[in-house]
Amino acid sequence: MTDREELRSTLETLATEGVDPAFAELDLLSTADQVALMAAQGVVAAQAVAAEEASIARAVDGIVERLHSGGRLVYIGAGTAGRMGVLDASEIPPTFGTDPSLVTGLIAGGEYALRNAIENAEDDFDAGEQAGRALGPDDAIVGISASGRTPYVTGALRAARERGAFTVSLACNRDAEISVGVDVAIEVVVGPEVVAGSTRLKAGTAQKLVLNTLSTLAMVRSGKVYGNLMVDVQSTNEKLRVRAERTVVHATSCTVEQAAAALAAAGGSVKLAIAIVETGADAVTARAALDAAGGNLRQALAAARAGGLTE
């Protein structure tokens, strides 16, 4: 059997490569029926993610453990899967005030591949392996592949595992090749796509849902959220500056004027402004309390209420 024949045989077994007869007359449907079909299949993607809740929770716990050890979260993939990882990673610094190196996304073929298809990049096992070797035992890596067999991702996960990193696979087929030997396998089985083989559809949606959950909960568990408020959001435009004021008001029940004054004293830091309002301390004292609590606002306020914060 030639390599191409072997690949053809493998692809025929993958749900993501299936041709569902239920969608066979897609091009003959009315626009309204086409939209309804796409919407219904989006629900299928969400249901597939919900079925993997236990695995996703284990992945979150492992990622948080590595982040708390000073490590990084690295997404790696090719094509749509790689773009999903880069997109999710790029949204973390402005949302949670992190260093851009804390959560990063790598895509086969490099930055050019974000907007352009690069021939054979996903088949480059050696390039993936090289990327995986850059990780260490304090890091976590999430390898993303709809088919679950992308050589670039397989190489990265294998090398990262040898380096002692926490490894997570994210595939859209059962018993995926990339899941072999990883610490946590997340397999969101979405079935055949409305447009056969176009894994930018349900598979891409499911991948984004999982990545949203992994990164968001990792940040929640790292003290970047107070209740459900983004207290480390970066106020880089007028909308976000107004949101910062509203967040302080919501968290403390103070007036808008008090929130604005606290934010000014805090240099725009929502978290610090809340600590100032809640404790009545000055910015320097409140900052010291936050630092002592590792940046966790809830812990800092608990210490203040216990009498551990004085001006």
C-alpha atoms as a PDB file:
ATOM      1  CA  MET A   1       0.000   0.000   0.000  1.00  0.00           C
ATOM      2  CA  THR A   2       1.375   3.394  -0.988  1.00  0.00           C
ATOM      3  CA  ASP A   3       1.484   6.328   1.461  1.00  0.00           C
ATOM      4  CA  ARG A   4      -1.410   7.984  -0.381  1.00  0.00           C
ATOM      5  CA  GLU A   5      -3.480   4.812  -0.272  1.00  0.00           C
ATOM      6  CA  GLU A   6      -2.787   4.468   3.448  1.00  0.00           C
ATOM      7  CA  LEU A   7      -3.809   8.081   4.032  1.00  0.00           C
ATOM      8  CA  ARG A   8      -6.982   7.595   1.991  1.00  0.00           C
ATOM      9  CA  SER A   9      -7.818   4.541   4.074  1.00  0.00           C
ATOM     10  CA  THR A  10      -7.218   6.458   7.301  1.00  0.00           C
ATOM     11  CA  LEU A  11      -9.310   9.451   6.291  1.00  0.00           C
ATOM     12  CA  GLU A  12     -12.238   7.202   5.424  1.00  0.00           C
ATOM     13  CA  THR A  13     -12.442   6.190   9.086  1.00  0.00           C
ATOM     14  CA  LEU A  14     -12.601   9.768  10.423  1.00  0.00           C
ATOM     15  CA  ALA A  15     -15.965  11.297  11.303  1.00  0.00           C
ATOM     16  CA  THR A  16     -14.705  14.757  10.364  1.00  0.00           C
ATOM     17  CA  GLU A  17     -14.070  13.516   6.805  1.00  0.00           C
ATOM     18  CA  GLY A  18     -17.489  11.895   6.450  1.00  0.00           C
ATOM     19  CA  VAL A  19     -20.097  12.864   3.858  1.00  0.00           C
ATOM     20  CA  ASP A  20     -23.479  12.987   5.596  1.00  0.00           C
ATOM     21  CA  PRO A  21     -26.428  12.256   3.261  1.00  0.00           C
ATOM     22  CA  ALA A  22     -28.564  14.500   5.488  1.00  0.00           C
ATOM     23  CA  PHE A  23     -26.729  17.482   3.987  1.00  0.00           C
ATOM     24  CA  ALA A  24     -26.697  16.178   0.396  1.00  0.00           C
ATOM     25  CA  GLU A  25     -29.121  18.806  -0.928  1.00  0.00           C
ATOM     26  CA  LEU A  26     -27.585  21.773   0.876  1.00  0.00           C
ATOM     27  CA  ASP A  27     -27.210  23.769  -2.319  1.00  0.00           C
ATOM     28  CA  LEU A  28     -30.892  23.259  -3.189  1.00  0.00           C
ATOM     29  CA  LEU A  29     -32.288  24.552   0.099  1.00  0.00           C
ATOM     30  CA  SER A  30     -33.670  28.031   0.613  1.00  0.00           C
ATOM     31  CA  THR A  31     -31.418  30.505   2.380  1.00  0.00           C
ATOM     32  CA  ALA A  32     -33.613  30.300   5.486  1.00  0.00           C
ATOM     33  CA  ASP A  33     -33.328  26.500   5.573  1.00  0.00           C
ATOM     34  CA  GLN A  34     -29.571  26.673   5.019  1.00  0.00           C
ATOM     35  CA  VAL A  35     -29.229  29.062   7.954  1.00  0.00           C
ATOM     36  CA  ALA A  36     -31.402  26.817  10.142  1.00  0.00           C
ATOM     37  CA  LEU A  37     -29.255  23.817   9.241  1.00  0.00           C
ATOM     38  CA  MET A  38     -26.026  25.638  10.063  1.00  0.00           C
ATOM     39  CA  ALA A  39     -27.463  26.865  13.373  1.00  0.00           C
ATOM     40  CA  ALA A  40     -28.582  23.362  14.328  1.00  0.00           C
ATOM     41  CA  GLN A  41     -25.125  21.987  13.612  1.00  0.00           C
ATOM     42  CA  GLY A  42     -23.613  24.701  15.792  1.00  0.00           C
ATOM     43  CA  VAL A  43     -25.647  23.240  18.650  1.00  0.00           C
ATOM     44  CA  VAL A  44     -24.144  19.832  17.835  1.00  0.00           C
ATOM     45  CA  ALA A  45     -20.673  21.340  18.310  1.00  0.00           C
ATOM     46  CA  ALA A  46     -21.625  22.748  21.718  1.00  0.00           C
ATOM     47  CA  GLN A  47     -23.098  19.392  22.772  1.00  0.00           C
ATOM     48  CA  ALA A  48     -19.886  17.628  21.780  1.00  0.00           C
ATOM     49  CA  VAL A  49     -17.933  19.993  24.008  1.00  0.00           C
ATOM     50  CA  ALA A  50     -20.328  19.426  26.921  1.00  0.00           C
ATOM     51  CA  ALA A  51     -19.758  15.675  26.597  1.00  0.00           C
ATOM     52  CA  GLU A  52     -16.048  16.253  27.321  1.00  0.00           C
ATOM     53  CA  GLU A  53     -16.514  18.341  30.482  1.00  0.00           C
ATOM     54  CA  ALA A  54     -14.571  15.929  32.705  1.00  0.00           C
ATOM     55  CA  SER A  55     -11.545  15.886  30.405  1.00  0.00           C
ATOM     56  CA  ILE A  56     -11.634  19.648  29.996  1.00  0.00           C
ATOM     57  CA  ALA A  57     -11.712  20.096  33.790  1.00  0.00           C
ATOM     58  CA  ARG A  58      -8.654  17.849  34.177  1.00  0.00           C
ATOM     59  CA  ALA A  59      -6.882  19.876  31.528  1.00  0.00           C
ATOM     60  CA  VAL A  60      -7.697  23.150  33.317  1.00  0.00           C
ATOM     61  CA  ASP A  61      -6.310  21.789  36.608  1.00  0.00           C
ATOM     62  CA  GLY A  62      -3.088  20.658  34.935  1.00  0.00           C
ATOM     63  CA  ILE A  63      -2.632  23.960  33.121  1.00  0.00           C
ATOM     64  CA  VAL A  64      -3.220  25.973  36.299  1.00  0.00           C
ATOM     65  CA  GLU A  65      -0.672  23.879  38.183  1.00  0.00           C
ATOM     66  CA  ARG A  66       1.986  24.631  35.568  1.00  0.00           C
ATOM     67  CA  LEU A  67       1.128  28.332  35.392  1.00  0.00           C
ATOM     68  CA  HIS A  68       1.406  28.570  39.165  1.00  0.00           C
ATOM     69  CA  SER A  69       4.874  27.014  38.831  1.00  0.00           C
ATOM     70  CA  GLY A  70       5.934  29.865  36.579  1.00  0.00           C
ATOM     71  CA  GLY A  71       5.304  28.064  33.299  1.00  0.00           C
ATOM     72  CA  ARG A  72       3.407  28.929  30.121  1.00  0.00           C
ATOM     73  CA  LEU A  73       0.380  27.712  28.222  1.00  0.00           C
ATOM     74  CA  VAL A  74       1.198  27.013  24.572  1.00  0.00           C
ATOM     75  CA  TYR A  75      -1.330  26.158  21.864  1.00  0.00           C
ATOM     76  CA  ILE A  76      -0.045  24.493  18.726  1.00  0.00           C
ATOM     77  CA  GLY A  77      -1.817  23.511  15.533  1.00  0.00           C
ATOM     78  CA  ALA A  78      -2.019  23.838  11.764  1.00  0.00           C
ATOM     79  CA  GLY A  79      -4.539  25.587   9.526  1.00  0.00           C
ATOM     80  CA  THR A  80      -7.851  26.389  11.191  1.00  0.00           C
ATOM     81  CA  ALA A  81      -6.805  24.630  14.387  1.00  0.00           C
ATOM     82  CA  GLY A  82      -3.616  26.683  14.607  1.00  0.00           C
ATOM     83  CA  ARG A  83      -5.537  29.895  13.979  1.00  0.00           C
ATOM     84  CA  MET A  84      -7.964  29.048  16.778  1.00  0.00           C
ATOM     85  CA  GLY A  85      -5.031  28.710  19.163  1.00  0.00           C
ATOM     86  CA  VAL A  86      -3.351  31.942  18.084  1.00  0.00           C
ATOM     87  CA  LEU A  87      -6.681  33.798  18.325  1.00  0.00           C
ATOM     88  CA  ASP A  88      -7.415  32.585  21.827  1.00  0.00           C
ATOM     89  CA  ALA A  89      -3.881  33.322  23.034  1.00  0.00           C
ATOM     90  CA  SER A  90      -3.899  36.842  21.567  1.00  0.00           C
ATOM     91  CA  GLU A  91      -7.025  37.755  23.535  1.00  0.00           C
ATOM     92  CA  ILE A  92      -5.596  36.864  26.951  1.00  0.00           C
ATOM     93  CA  PRO A  93      -3.254  39.865  27.607  1.00  0.00           C
ATOM     94  CA  PRO A  94      -5.869  42.621  27.053  1.00  0.00           C
ATOM     95  CA  THR A  95      -8.593  40.691  28.869  1.00  0.00           C
ATOM     96  CA  PHE A  96      -6.620  39.541  31.890  1.00  0.00           C
ATOM     97  CA  GLY A  97      -3.576  41.827  32.007  1.00  0.00           C
ATOM     98  CA  THR A  98      -1.032  39.063  31.446  1.00  0.00           C
ATOM     99  CA  ASP A  99       2.376  39.142  29.836  1.00  0.00           C
ATOM    100  CA  PRO A 100       2.019  38.071  26.164  1.00  0.00           C
ATOM    101  CA  SER A 101       4.442  35.207  26.772  1.00  0.00           C
ATOM    102  CA  LEU A 102       2.177  33.544  29.370  1.00  0.00           C
ATOM    103  CA  VAL A 103      -0.288  32.168  26.814  1.00  0.00           C
ATOM    104  CA  THR A 104       0.971  31.808  23.254  1.00  0.00           C
ATOM    105  CA  GLY A 105      -0.173  30.176  20.043  1.00  0.00           C
ATOM    106  CA  LEU A 106       2.039  28.517  17.432  1.00  0.00           C
ATOM    107  CA  ILE A 107       0.852  27.666  13.921  1.00  0.00           C
ATOM    108  CA  ALA A 108       2.556  25.432  11.361  1.00  0.00           C
ATOM    109  CA  GLY A 109       4.216  27.672   8.789  1.00  0.00           C
ATOM    110  CA  GLY A 110       4.561  30.655  11.138  1.00  0.00           C
ATOM    111  CA  GLU A 111       2.756  33.994  11.074  1.00  0.00           C
ATOM    112  CA  TYR A 112       2.327  33.965   7.298  1.00  0.00           C
ATOM    113  CA  ALA A 113       0.085  30.914   7.744  1.00  0.00           C
ATOM    114  CA  LEU A 114      -2.402  32.957   9.772  1.00  0.00           C
ATOM    115  CA  ARG A 115      -3.778  34.459   6.558  1.00  0.00           C
ATOM    116  CA  ASN A 116      -2.463  32.107   3.898  1.00  0.00           C
ATOM    117  CA  ALA A 117      -2.432  28.385   3.218  1.00  0.00           C
ATOM    118  CA  ILE A 118       1.089  26.966   3.258  1.00  0.00           C
ATOM    119  CA  GLU A 119       1.627  23.732   1.358  1.00  0.00           C
ATOM    120  CA  ASN A 120       2.655  20.753   3.491  1.00  0.00           C
ATOM    121  CA  ALA A 121       3.221  22.821   6.667  1.00  0.00           C
ATOM    122  CA  GLU A 122       0.908  20.568   8.667  1.00  0.00           C
ATOM    123  CA  ASP A 123       2.881  17.505   7.524  1.00  0.00           C
ATOM    124  CA  ASP A 124       6.172  18.811   8.958  1.00  0.00           C
ATOM    125  CA  PHE A 125       6.673  16.489  11.933  1.00  0.00           C
ATOM    126  CA  ASP A 126      10.219  17.767  12.484  1.00  0.00           C
ATOM    127  CA  ALA A 127       9.112  21.408  12.760  1.00  0.00           C
ATOM    128  CA  GLY A 128       6.518  20.420  15.341  1.00  0.00           C
ATOM    129  CA  GLU A 129       9.094  18.423  17.244  1.00  0.00           C
ATOM    130  CA  GLN A 130      11.418  21.427  17.277  1.00  0.00           C
ATOM    131  CA  ALA A 131       8.631  23.610  18.688  1.00  0.00           C
ATOM    132  CA  GLY A 132       7.882  21.036  21.377  1.00  0.00           C
ATOM    133  CA  ARG A 133      11.520  20.887  22.458  1.00  0.00           C
ATOM    134  CA  ALA A 134      11.327  24.575  23.398  1.00  0.00           C
ATOM    135  CA  LEU A 135       8.979  23.705  26.259  1.00  0.00           C
ATOM    136  CA  GLY A 136       9.994  22.639  29.745  1.00  0.00           C
ATOM    137  CA  PRO A 137       8.547  20.780  32.730  1.00  0.00           C
ATOM    138  CA  ASP A 138       6.751  23.894  34.026  1.00  0.00           C
ATOM    139  CA  ASP A 139       4.893  24.416  30.744  1.00  0.00           C
ATOM    140  CA  ALA A 140       1.574  23.146  29.408  1.00  0.00           C
ATOM    141  CA  ILE A 141       0.893  22.485  25.732  1.00  0.00           C
ATOM    142  CA  VAL A 142      -2.432  21.972  23.969  1.00  0.00           C
ATOM    143  CA  GLY A 143      -2.088  20.286  20.575  1.00  0.00           C
ATOM    144  CA  ILE A 144      -5.076  21.060  18.344  1.00  0.00           C
ATOM    145  CA  SER A 145      -6.076  18.994  15.307  1.00  0.00           C
ATOM    146  CA  ALA A 146      -9.565  18.335  13.958  1.00  0.00           C
ATOM    147  CA  SER A 147      -8.523  15.064  12.358  1.00  0.00           C
ATOM    148  CA  GLY A 148      -6.359  14.161  15.333  1.00  0.00           C
ATOM    149  CA  ARG A 149      -3.524  13.009  13.081  1.00  0.00           C
ATOM    150  CA  THR A 150      -1.665  16.188  12.047  1.00  0.00           C
ATOM    151  CA  PRO A 151       2.084  15.318  11.993  1.00  0.00           C
ATOM    152  CA  TYR A 152       3.147  18.826  13.061  1.00  0.00           C
ATOM    153  CA  VAL A 153       1.007  18.558  16.198  1.00  0.00           C
ATOM    154  CA  THR A 154       2.018  14.942  16.857  1.00  0.00           C
ATOM    155  CA  GLY A 155       5.680  15.925  16.755  1.00  0.00           C
ATOM    156  CA  ALA A 156       5.170  18.873  19.088  1.00  0.00           C
ATOM    157  CA  LEU A 157       3.264  16.849  21.691  1.00  0.00           C
ATOM    158  CA  ARG A 158       5.765  14.001  21.617  1.00  0.00           C
ATOM    159  CA  ALA A 159       8.762  16.293  22.100  1.00  0.00           C
ATOM    160  CA  ALA A 160       7.010  18.352  24.797  1.00  0.00           C
ATOM    161  CA  ARG A 161       6.080  15.203  26.683  1.00  0.00           C
ATOM    162  CA  GLU A 162       9.724  14.075  26.605  1.00  0.00           C
ATOM    163  CA  ARG A 163      10.663  17.463  28.044  1.00  0.00           C
ATOM    164  CA  GLY A 164       8.260  16.912  30.953  1.00  0.00           C
ATOM    165  CA  ALA A 165       5.576  19.396  29.888  1.00  0.00           C
ATOM    166  CA  PHE A 166       1.901  18.854  30.709  1.00  0.00           C
ATOM    167  CA  THR A 167       0.354  17.682  27.438  1.00  0.00           C
ATOM    168  CA  VAL A 168      -3.245  18.024  26.236  1.00  0.00           C
ATOM    169  CA  SER A 169      -4.654  16.885  22.904  1.00  0.00           C
ATOM    170  CA  LEU A 170      -7.724  18.486  21.345  1.00  0.00           C
ATOM    171  CA  ALA A 171      -9.182  16.472  18.464  1.00  0.00           C
ATOM    172  CA  CYS A 172     -12.576  16.016  16.820  1.00  0.00           C
ATOM    173  CA  ASN A 173     -12.334  12.251  16.345  1.00  0.00           C
ATOM    174  CA  ARG A 174     -12.153   9.362  18.802  1.00  0.00           C
ATOM    175  CA  ASP A 175      -8.888   7.515  19.488  1.00  0.00           C
ATOM    176  CA  ALA A 176      -6.884  10.249  17.765  1.00  0.00           C
ATOM    177  CA  GLU A 177      -3.208   9.770  17.010  1.00  0.00           C
ATOM    178  CA  ILE A 178      -2.329  12.988  18.829  1.00  0.00           C
ATOM    179  CA  SER A 179      -4.005  11.625  21.976  1.00  0.00           C
ATOM    180  CA  VAL A 180      -1.531   8.759  22.374  1.00  0.00           C
ATOM    181  CA  GLY A 181       0.517   9.231  25.544  1.00  0.00           C
ATOM    182  CA  VAL A 182      -0.779  12.697  26.475  1.00  0.00           C
ATOM    183  CA  ASP A 183      -1.765  13.629  30.022  1.00  0.00           C
ATOM    184  CA  VAL A 184      -5.315  14.590  29.004  1.00  0.00           C
ATOM    185  CA  ALA A 185      -7.123  13.787  25.762  1.00  0.00           C
ATOM    186  CA  ILE A 186     -10.072  15.998  24.813  1.00  0.00           C
ATOM    187  CA  GLU A 187     -11.968  14.491  21.887  1.00  0.00           C
ATOM    188  CA  VAL A 188     -15.000  16.530  20.831  1.00  0.00           C
ATOM    189  CA  VAL A 189     -16.711  14.382  18.209  1.00  0.00           C
ATOM    190  CA  VAL A 190     -18.786  16.718  16.059  1.00  0.00           C
ATOM    191  CA  GLY A 191     -19.409  14.339  13.157  1.00  0.00           C
ATOM    192  CA  PRO A 192     -19.421  15.149   9.443  1.00  0.00           C
ATOM    193  CA  GLU A 193     -19.476  18.797   8.430  1.00  0.00           C
ATOM    194  CA  VAL A 194     -22.360  20.464   6.589  1.00  0.00           C
ATOM    195  CA  VAL A 195     -19.859  21.079   3.775  1.00  0.00           C
ATOM    196  CA  ALA A 196     -18.035  17.751   3.781  1.00  0.00           C
ATOM    197  CA  GLY A 197     -14.487  17.943   5.152  1.00  0.00           C
ATOM    198  CA  SER A 198     -14.619  21.685   5.919  1.00  0.00           C
ATOM    199  CA  THR A 199     -13.401  21.525   9.512  1.00  0.00           C
ATOM    200  CA  ARG A 200     -13.512  25.313   9.862  1.00  0.00           C
ATOM    201  CA  LEU A 201     -17.206  24.710  10.636  1.00  0.00           C
ATOM    202  CA  LYS A 202     -18.331  22.502  13.552  1.00  0.00           C
ATOM    203  CA  ALA A 203     -14.802  21.383  14.351  1.00  0.00           C
ATOM    204  CA  GLY A 204     -13.546  24.974  14.444  1.00  0.00           C
ATOM    205  CA  THR A 205     -16.480  26.029  16.608  1.00  0.00           C
ATOM    206  CA  ALA A 206     -15.894  23.195  19.048  1.00  0.00           C
ATOM    207  CA  GLN A 207     -12.180  23.959  19.224  1.00  0.00           C
ATOM    208  CA  LYS A 208     -12.837  27.621  20.026  1.00  0.00           C
ATOM    209  CA  LEU A 209     -15.344  26.660  22.726  1.00  0.00           C
ATOM    210  CA  VAL A 210     -12.805  24.362  24.375  1.00  0.00           C
ATOM    211  CA  LEU A 211      -9.985  26.905  24.154  1.00  0.00           C
ATOM    212  CA  ASN A 212     -12.250  29.619  25.582  1.00  0.00           C
ATOM    213  CA  THR A 213     -12.924  27.353  28.532  1.00  0.00           C
ATOM    214  CA  LEU A 214      -9.312  26.326  29.107  1.00  0.00           C
ATOM    215  CA  SER A 215      -7.843  29.826  29.026  1.00  0.00           C
ATOM    216  CA  THR A 216     -10.694  31.603  30.806  1.00  0.00           C
ATOM    217  CA  LEU A 217     -10.844  29.157  33.703  1.00  0.00           C
ATOM    218  CA  ALA A 218      -7.061  29.100  33.967  1.00  0.00           C
ATOM    219  CA  MET A 219      -7.221  32.873  34.441  1.00  0.00           C
ATOM    220  CA  VAL A 220     -10.117  32.601  36.906  1.00  0.00           C
ATOM    221  CA  ARG A 221      -8.156  30.076  38.947  1.00  0.00           C
ATOM    222  CA  SER A 222      -5.145  32.406  38.818  1.00  0.00           C
ATOM    223  CA  GLY A 223      -7.006  35.282  40.488  1.00  0.00           C
ATOM    224  CA  LYS A 224      -7.564  37.302  37.319  1.00  0.00           C
ATOM    225  CA  VAL A 225     -11.325  37.410  37.909  1.00  0.00           C
ATOM    226  CA  TYR A 226     -13.238  38.626  40.976  1.00  0.00           C
ATOM    227  CA  GLY A 227     -16.664  37.021  41.013  1.00  0.00           C
ATOM    228  CA  ASN A 228     -17.291  37.187  37.282  1.00  0.00           C
ATOM    229  CA  LEU A 229     -15.630  40.580  36.797  1.00  0.00           C
ATOM    230  CA  MET A 230     -12.525  41.206  34.666  1.00  0.00           C
ATOM    231  CA  VAL A 231     -10.504  42.984  37.333  1.00  0.00           C
ATOM    232  CA  ASP A 232      -7.232  42.832  35.388  1.00  0.00           C
ATOM    233  CA  VAL A 233      -8.660  44.155  32.108  1.00  0.00           C
ATOM    234  CA  GLN A 234      -6.434  46.699  30.381  1.00  0.00           C
ATOM    235  CA  SER A 235      -8.195  50.074  29.989  1.00  0.00           C
ATOM    236  CA  THR A 236      -6.718  50.941  26.605  1.00  0.00           C
ATOM    237  CA  ASN A 237      -9.626  52.896  25.102  1.00  0.00           C
ATOM    238  CA  GLU A 238     -12.567  55.024  26.216  1.00  0.00           C
ATOM    239  CA  LYS A 239     -15.022  52.127  26.197  1.00  0.00           C
ATOM    240  CA  LEU A 240     -12.750  50.098  28.449  1.00  0.00           C
ATOM    241  CA  ARG A 241     -12.149  53.061  30.761  1.00  0.00           C
ATOM    242  CA  VAL A 242     -15.907  53.392  31.229  1.00  0.00           C
ATOM    243  CA  ARG A 243     -16.144  49.645  31.738  1.00  0.00           C
ATOM    244  CA  ALA A 244     -13.430  49.904  34.398  1.00  0.00           C
ATOM    245  CA  GLU A 245     -15.480  52.495  36.282  1.00  0.00           C
ATOM    246  CA  ARG A 246     -18.608  50.359  36.004  1.00  0.00           C
ATOM    247  CA  THR A 247     -16.688  47.321  37.244  1.00  0.00           C
ATOM    248  CA  VAL A 248     -15.473  49.148  40.341  1.00  0.00           C
ATOM    249  CA  VAL A 249     -19.006  50.418  41.024  1.00  0.00           C
ATOM    250  CA  HIS A 250     -20.469  46.943  40.564  1.00  0.00           C
ATOM    251  CA  ALA A 251     -17.891  45.311  42.838  1.00  0.00           C
ATOM    252  CA  THR A 252     -18.063  47.860  45.653  1.00  0.00           C
ATOM    253  CA  SER A 253     -21.430  49.683  45.336  1.00  0.00           C
ATOM    254  CA  CYS A 254     -19.547  52.987  45.377  1.00  0.00           C
ATOM    255  CA  THR A 255     -20.489  56.007  43.258  1.00  0.00           C
ATOM    256  CA  VAL A 256     -19.120  56.628  39.781  1.00  0.00           C
ATOM    257  CA  GLU A 257     -17.184  59.591  41.189  1.00  0.00           C
ATOM    258  CA  GLN A 258     -15.600  57.420  43.877  1.00  0.00           C
ATOM    259  CA  ALA A 259     -14.737  54.768  41.303  1.00  0.00           C
ATOM    260  CA  ALA A 260     -13.098  57.348  39.039  1.00  0.00           C
ATOM    261  CA  ALA A 261     -11.058  58.739  41.938  1.00  0.00           C
ATOM    262  CA  ALA A 262      -9.936  55.276  43.009  1.00  0.00           C
ATOM    263  CA  LEU A 263      -8.957  54.361  39.448  1.00  0.00           C
ATOM    264  CA  ALA A 264      -6.944  57.569  39.159  1.00  0.00           C
ATOM    265  CA  ALA A 265      -5.128  56.737  42.394  1.00  0.00           C
ATOM    266  CA  ALA A 266      -4.605  53.179  41.171  1.00  0.00           C
ATOM    267  CA  GLY A 267      -3.152  54.225  37.844  1.00  0.00           C
ATOM    268  CA  GLY A 268      -6.101  52.657  36.031  1.00  0.00           C
ATOM    269  CA  SER A 269      -5.853  49.261  37.732  1.00  0.00           C
ATOM    270  CA  VAL A 270      -9.376  47.966  38.367  1.00  0.00           C
ATOM    271  CA  LYS A 271      -8.188  45.418  40.887  1.00  0.00           C
ATOM    272  CA  LEU A 272      -6.244  47.983  42.887  1.00  0.00           C
ATOM    273  CA  ALA A 273      -9.094  50.504  42.704  1.00  0.00           C
ATOM    274  CA  ILE A 274     -11.497  47.943  44.191  1.00  0.00           C
ATOM    275  CA  ALA A 275      -9.018  47.223  46.975  1.00  0.00           C
ATOM    276  CA  ILE A 276      -8.712  50.954  47.714  1.00  0.00           C
ATOM    277  CA  VAL A 277     -12.479  51.460  47.902  1.00  0.00           C
ATOM    278  CA  GLU A 278     -13.164  48.302  49.892  1.00  0.00           C
ATOM    279  CA  THR A 279     -10.386  48.795  52.458  1.00  0.00           C
ATOM    280  CA  GLY A 280     -10.105  52.583  52.629  1.00  0.00           C
ATOM    281  CA  ALA A 281      -6.336  52.195  52.333  1.00  0.00           C
ATOM    282  CA  ASP A 282      -4.097  54.276  50.119  1.00  0.00           C
ATOM    283  CA  ALA A 283      -2.776  52.916  46.839  1.00  0.00           C
ATOM    284  CA  VAL A 284       0.637  51.923  48.198  1.00  0.00           C
ATOM    285  CA  THR A 285      -0.841  49.973  51.120  1.00  0.00           C
ATOM    286  CA  ALA A 286      -3.495  48.330  48.977  1.00  0.00           C
ATOM    287  CA  ARG A 287      -0.891  47.362  46.393  1.00  0.00           C
ATOM    288  CA  ALA A 288       1.265  45.759  49.077  1.00  0.00           C
ATOM    289  CA  ALA A 289      -1.744  43.739  50.256  1.00  0.00           C
ATOM    290  CA  LEU A 290      -2.428  42.553  46.732  1.00  0.00           C
ATOM    291  CA  ASP A 291       1.203  41.596  46.234  1.00  0.00           C
ATOM    292  CA  ALA A 292       1.169  39.651  49.510  1.00  0.00           C
ATOM    293  CA  ALA A 293      -1.873  37.759  48.226  1.00  0.00           C
ATOM    294  CA  GLY A 294      -0.180  36.940  44.938  1.00  0.00           C
ATOM    295  CA  GLY A 295      -2.463  39.357  43.106  1.00  0.00           C
ATOM    296  CA  ASN A 296      -5.611  37.573  44.276  1.00  0.00           C
ATOM    297  CA  LEU A 297      -8.112  40.300  45.129  1.00  0.00           C
ATOM    298  CA  ARG A 298     -10.460  38.077  47.112  1.00  0.00           C
ATOM    299  CA  GLN A 299      -7.617  36.863  49.325  1.00  0.00           C
ATOM    300  CA  ALA A 300      -6.317  40.401  49.824  1.00  0.00           C
ATOM    301  CA  LEU A 301      -9.760  41.638  50.897  1.00  0.00           C
ATOM    302  CA  ALA A 302     -10.181  38.673  53.231  1.00  0.00           C
ATOM    303  CA  ALA A 303      -6.873  39.556  54.887  1.00  0.00           C
ATOM    304  CA  ALA A 304      -8.010  43.169  55.225  1.00  0.00           C
ATOM    305  CA  ARG A 305     -11.253  42.149  56.870  1.00  0.00           C
ATOM    306  CA  ALA A 306      -9.304  39.964  59.250  1.00  0.00           C
ATOM    307  CA  GLY A 307      -7.301  43.006  60.301  1.00  0.00           C
ATOM    308  CA  GLY A 308      -4.233  42.289  58.205  1.00  0.00           C
ATOM    309  CA  LEU A 309      -4.293  45.571  56.292  1.00  0.00           C
ATOM    310  CA  THR A 310      -3.367  48.867  57.871  1.00  0.00           C
ATOM    311  CA  GLU A 311      -2.318  52.192  56.405  1.00  0.00           C
END
